[in-house]
Amino acid sequence: MKRTFPLIALVLNLSLALAYTQALASPAAEVNPAGKTPGPQQPGWTPGPPHTPGLPAAAQAGLAKKPAHFRGIITAVDATSLTVQLADGTSVLIALTPETRIHVPGPKAQGDTLLVGMQVMVMAFGDETAGWTARSVMAIPGAPVRTHRVGIVSAYTAGASITIDATDGQSYTFVLTAETKILPAERAASLAVGSLVTIIAPRDPAALGWTATGIVVHPPAT
């Protein structure tokens, strides 16, 4: 019996080693560690589209488009659109939305109101078929334009504003400041509704309204 026991133990150890080796070699125990190339896919499997982390969905789908830039003079504008006349004489209609960023240089009190006659730079998305929608509109400051308007005063508030019915049939309102000069000085006291005046007012095309720098009061008609 002393000789039989070691032989039986040796046979058992060999049997266990063989069973362990076969278990490791079986498909059920096969592991695909990270970084290893996977085996062939099952029939009917279709790979999904590639994905780049951080890229917007529109760009992933190839839908992102570059914006177009238009520069010209506003010939018409309302709450939903503006028409810009370009340098070549053509015009483009561009939609405005609540998301459109509008910037008009000048005092903040004037706001960001677009006016006919302003020179602007517009960044828009879309195309000629579907139409253009403005992402941003920026008024471009230009050289002040000096104008002279002759007419009869229809409203006047000293130091604040003056409105005239001009000889061209239009009504114009001008802002008055402490720097506005009334000439000749001896007629300043007679300036009132009904006076015949000439208003001198330079205007920045990107600014709102007109500011009078001088008012020439003409003598009363005899």
Protein backbone atom coordinates (compact mmCIF):
# COMPACT_ATOMS: atom_id res chain seq x y z
CA MET A 1 0.00 0.00 0.00
CA LYS A 2 2.83 2.38 0.63
CA ARG A 3 3.90 2.12 -3.03
CA THR A 4 0.33 2.38 -4.47
CA PHE A 5 -0.62 5.73 -2.82
CA PRO A 6 2.03 7.90 -4.56
CA LEU A 7 1.12 6.40 -7.94
CA ILE A 8 -2.57 7.18 -7.47
CA ALA A 9 -1.76 10.78 -6.46
CA LEU A 10 0.39 11.25 -9.55
CA VAL A 11 -2.38 9.99 -11.85
CA LEU A 12 -4.91 12.35 -10.23
CA ASN A 13 -2.62 15.37 -10.67
CA LEU A 14 -2.05 14.58 -14.34
CA SER A 15 -5.81 14.20 -14.93
CA LEU A 16 -6.56 17.59 -13.31
CA ALA A 17 -3.82 19.33 -15.35
CA LEU A 18 -5.18 17.87 -18.58
CA ALA A 19 -8.74 18.95 -17.78
CA TYR A 20 -7.59 22.50 -16.97
CA THR A 21 -5.66 22.76 -20.26
CA GLN A 22 -8.70 21.62 -22.28
CA ALA A 23 -10.95 24.12 -20.50
CA LEU A 24 -8.65 27.00 -21.42
CA ALA A 25 -8.58 25.91 -25.05
CA SER A 26 -12.41 25.75 -25.38
CA PRO A 27 -14.27 28.57 -27.31
CA ALA A 28 -16.46 29.31 -24.28
CA ALA A 29 -13.45 30.49 -22.30
CA GLU A 30 -12.00 32.65 -25.07
CA VAL A 31 -11.63 36.30 -24.04
CA ASN A 32 -11.07 39.32 -26.30
CA PRO A 33 -8.92 41.71 -24.26
CA ALA A 34 -9.20 45.48 -24.82
CA GLY A 35 -7.15 46.65 -27.75
CA LYS A 36 -7.27 43.29 -29.58
CA THR A 37 -8.75 43.02 -33.08
CA PRO A 38 -12.17 41.35 -32.88
CA GLY A 39 -12.91 38.29 -34.94
CA PRO A 40 -15.21 38.29 -37.98
CA GLN A 41 -18.75 39.66 -37.38
CA GLN A 42 -21.82 37.52 -37.52
CA PRO A 43 -23.80 37.45 -40.81
CA GLY A 44 -26.18 40.39 -41.16
CA TRP A 45 -24.14 42.76 -38.94
CA THR A 46 -23.71 46.27 -40.36
CA PRO A 47 -21.23 48.76 -38.90
CA GLY A 48 -22.65 52.10 -37.71
CA PRO A 49 -21.55 55.52 -39.03
CA PRO A 50 -18.28 56.95 -37.71
CA HIS A 51 -18.59 59.50 -34.93
CA THR A 52 -16.26 62.31 -33.99
CA PRO A 53 -16.66 63.37 -30.34
CA GLY A 54 -17.50 67.06 -29.92
CA LEU A 55 -18.63 67.64 -33.52
CA PRO A 56 -22.22 68.98 -33.87
CA ALA A 57 -24.80 66.64 -35.30
CA ALA A 58 -25.30 68.84 -38.38
CA ALA A 59 -21.61 68.70 -39.17
CA GLN A 60 -21.61 64.95 -38.62
CA ALA A 61 -24.30 64.66 -41.28
CA GLY A 62 -22.46 67.00 -43.62
CA LEU A 63 -25.16 69.65 -43.36
CA ALA A 64 -23.02 72.53 -42.06
CA LYS A 65 -22.60 75.33 -44.59
CA LYS A 66 -20.38 78.39 -44.67
CA PRO A 67 -22.15 81.74 -44.21
CA ALA A 68 -22.45 84.32 -46.97
CA HIS A 69 -21.52 87.97 -46.44
CA PHE A 70 -23.36 90.89 -48.04
CA ARG A 71 -22.35 94.55 -47.91
CA GLY A 72 -24.50 97.38 -49.18
CA ILE A 73 -27.13 100.02 -48.45
CA ILE A 74 -30.46 99.25 -46.80
CA THR A 75 -33.26 100.18 -49.20
CA ALA A 76 -36.12 98.64 -47.19
CA VAL A 77 -36.43 97.24 -43.68
CA ASP A 78 -39.11 96.01 -41.28
CA ALA A 79 -39.30 93.67 -38.29
CA THR A 80 -38.92 90.49 -40.37
CA SER A 81 -36.61 91.38 -43.27
CA LEU A 82 -34.34 93.91 -44.90
CA THR A 83 -33.39 94.57 -48.50
CA VAL A 84 -29.75 95.43 -49.20
CA GLN A 85 -28.59 97.03 -52.44
CA LEU A 86 -25.15 95.70 -53.30
CA ALA A 87 -22.29 97.50 -55.03
CA ASP A 88 -23.18 95.96 -58.41
CA GLY A 89 -26.66 97.45 -58.26
CA THR A 90 -28.47 94.21 -57.46
CA SER A 91 -30.54 93.75 -54.32
CA VAL A 92 -30.91 90.85 -51.91
CA LEU A 93 -33.80 90.18 -49.53
CA ILE A 94 -32.65 88.82 -46.16
CA ALA A 95 -34.94 87.55 -43.40
CA LEU A 96 -34.55 88.77 -39.81
CA THR A 97 -35.35 86.58 -36.79
CA PRO A 98 -35.36 87.11 -33.01
CA GLU A 99 -31.93 85.42 -33.01
CA THR A 100 -30.41 87.89 -35.50
CA ARG A 101 -27.71 89.98 -33.81
CA ILE A 102 -27.99 93.67 -34.79
CA HIS A 103 -25.33 96.24 -33.95
CA VAL A 104 -25.58 99.94 -34.72
CA PRO A 105 -22.58 102.05 -33.61
CA GLY A 106 -23.37 105.09 -31.52
CA PRO A 107 -24.90 105.96 -28.14
CA LYS A 108 -26.66 103.05 -26.49
CA ALA A 109 -29.73 105.24 -26.01
CA GLN A 110 -30.28 105.10 -29.77
CA GLY A 111 -30.73 101.33 -29.64
CA ASP A 112 -29.99 98.95 -32.50
CA THR A 113 -32.61 100.12 -34.98
CA LEU A 114 -31.86 99.62 -38.67
CA LEU A 115 -32.89 102.43 -40.99
CA VAL A 116 -33.15 102.90 -44.74
CA GLY A 117 -29.94 104.45 -46.02
CA MET A 118 -27.62 102.72 -43.55
CA GLN A 119 -24.59 100.94 -44.94
CA VAL A 120 -24.45 97.45 -43.44
CA MET A 121 -22.51 94.20 -43.40
CA VAL A 122 -24.75 91.13 -43.18
CA MET A 123 -23.73 87.55 -42.37
CA ALA A 124 -26.44 85.18 -43.56
CA PHE A 125 -27.12 81.48 -44.01
CA GLY A 126 -29.13 79.83 -46.76
CA ASP A 127 -28.96 80.04 -50.54
CA GLU A 128 -30.57 81.83 -53.49
CA THR A 129 -33.21 79.11 -53.82
CA ALA A 130 -34.37 78.74 -50.21
CA GLY A 131 -33.66 82.36 -49.30
CA TRP A 132 -31.26 84.02 -46.86
CA THR A 133 -31.60 84.44 -43.10
CA ALA A 134 -29.39 86.92 -41.26
CA ARG A 135 -27.23 85.68 -38.40
CA SER A 136 -25.89 89.20 -37.76
CA VAL A 137 -26.27 92.72 -39.17
CA MET A 138 -23.73 95.44 -38.43
CA ALA A 139 -24.12 99.05 -39.51
CA ILE A 140 -20.88 100.44 -40.92
CA PRO A 141 -20.01 104.00 -39.87
CA GLY A 142 -19.39 106.32 -42.78
CA ALA A 143 -18.33 109.89 -43.38
CA PRO A 144 -20.92 112.34 -42.05
CA VAL A 145 -23.23 113.73 -44.70
CA ARG A 146 -24.01 117.44 -44.32
CA THR A 147 -27.46 118.55 -45.35
CA HIS A 148 -29.38 121.81 -45.44
CA ARG A 149 -33.13 121.73 -45.06
CA VAL A 150 -35.23 124.82 -45.64
CA GLY A 151 -38.78 124.98 -44.35
CA ILE A 152 -41.37 126.30 -41.97
CA VAL A 153 -41.15 125.31 -38.30
CA SER A 154 -44.12 123.09 -37.35
CA ALA A 155 -42.93 122.11 -33.86
CA TYR A 156 -40.20 123.50 -31.63
CA THR A 157 -38.90 122.67 -28.13
CA ALA A 158 -35.91 124.81 -27.23
CA GLY A 159 -32.82 122.74 -26.53
CA ALA A 160 -34.61 119.49 -27.46
CA SER A 161 -35.95 119.28 -31.01
CA ILE A 162 -37.29 121.15 -34.00
CA THR A 163 -39.56 119.90 -36.79
CA ILE A 164 -39.97 121.62 -40.14
CA ASP A 165 -42.17 121.19 -43.18
CA ALA A 166 -39.47 121.38 -45.82
CA THR A 167 -39.69 122.79 -49.32
CA ASP A 168 -39.45 119.26 -50.76
CA GLY A 169 -42.81 118.42 -49.19
CA GLN A 170 -41.37 116.22 -46.44
CA SER A 171 -41.41 116.73 -42.70
CA TYR A 172 -38.10 116.46 -40.84
CA THR A 173 -37.30 116.40 -37.12
CA PHE A 174 -33.88 117.38 -35.81
CA VAL A 175 -32.37 116.88 -32.37
CA LEU A 176 -31.08 120.05 -30.67
CA THR A 177 -28.13 120.08 -28.29
CA ALA A 178 -26.25 122.67 -26.26
CA GLU A 179 -23.87 123.00 -29.23
CA THR A 180 -26.64 123.90 -31.71
CA LYS A 181 -26.13 127.50 -32.85
CA ILE A 182 -29.01 129.79 -33.78
CA LEU A 183 -28.03 132.43 -36.32
CA PRO A 184 -28.12 135.34 -36.37
CA ALA A 185 -28.04 135.55 -32.61
CA GLU A 186 -30.44 138.51 -32.50
CA ARG A 187 -33.18 136.39 -34.09
CA ALA A 188 -32.87 133.49 -31.65
CA ALA A 189 -35.67 134.89 -29.49
CA SER A 190 -38.03 135.00 -32.49
CA LEU A 191 -37.56 131.33 -33.41
CA ALA A 192 -40.98 129.70 -33.08
CA VAL A 193 -43.61 127.71 -34.94
CA GLY A 194 -44.17 129.45 -38.27
CA SER A 195 -40.60 130.73 -38.64
CA LEU A 196 -38.82 130.20 -41.94
CA VAL A 197 -35.51 128.48 -41.20
CA THR A 198 -32.60 126.62 -42.72
CA ILE A 199 -31.41 123.64 -40.68
CA ILE A 200 -27.76 122.57 -40.99
CA ALA A 201 -27.31 118.96 -39.88
CA PRO A 202 -24.48 116.50 -40.56
CA ARG A 203 -25.50 112.87 -40.26
CA ASP A 204 -23.54 109.67 -39.82
CA PRO A 205 -25.16 107.06 -42.12
CA ALA A 206 -24.94 104.52 -39.26
CA ALA A 207 -26.56 106.80 -36.69
CA LEU A 208 -30.20 107.35 -35.91
CA GLY A 209 -31.91 110.61 -36.79
CA TRP A 210 -30.42 114.01 -37.47
CA THR A 211 -28.78 116.42 -35.05
CA ALA A 212 -28.87 120.09 -35.94
CA THR A 213 -25.58 121.94 -35.62
CA GLY A 214 -27.03 125.24 -36.82
CA ILE A 215 -30.39 126.94 -37.38
CA VAL A 216 -30.51 129.98 -39.60
CA VAL A 217 -33.62 132.04 -38.85
CA HIS A 218 -34.76 133.98 -41.91
CA PRO A 219 -36.39 137.37 -41.54
CA PRO A 220 -40.17 137.37 -41.64
CA ALA A 221 -41.72 137.81 -45.06
CA THR A 222 -42.86 141.36 -45.73
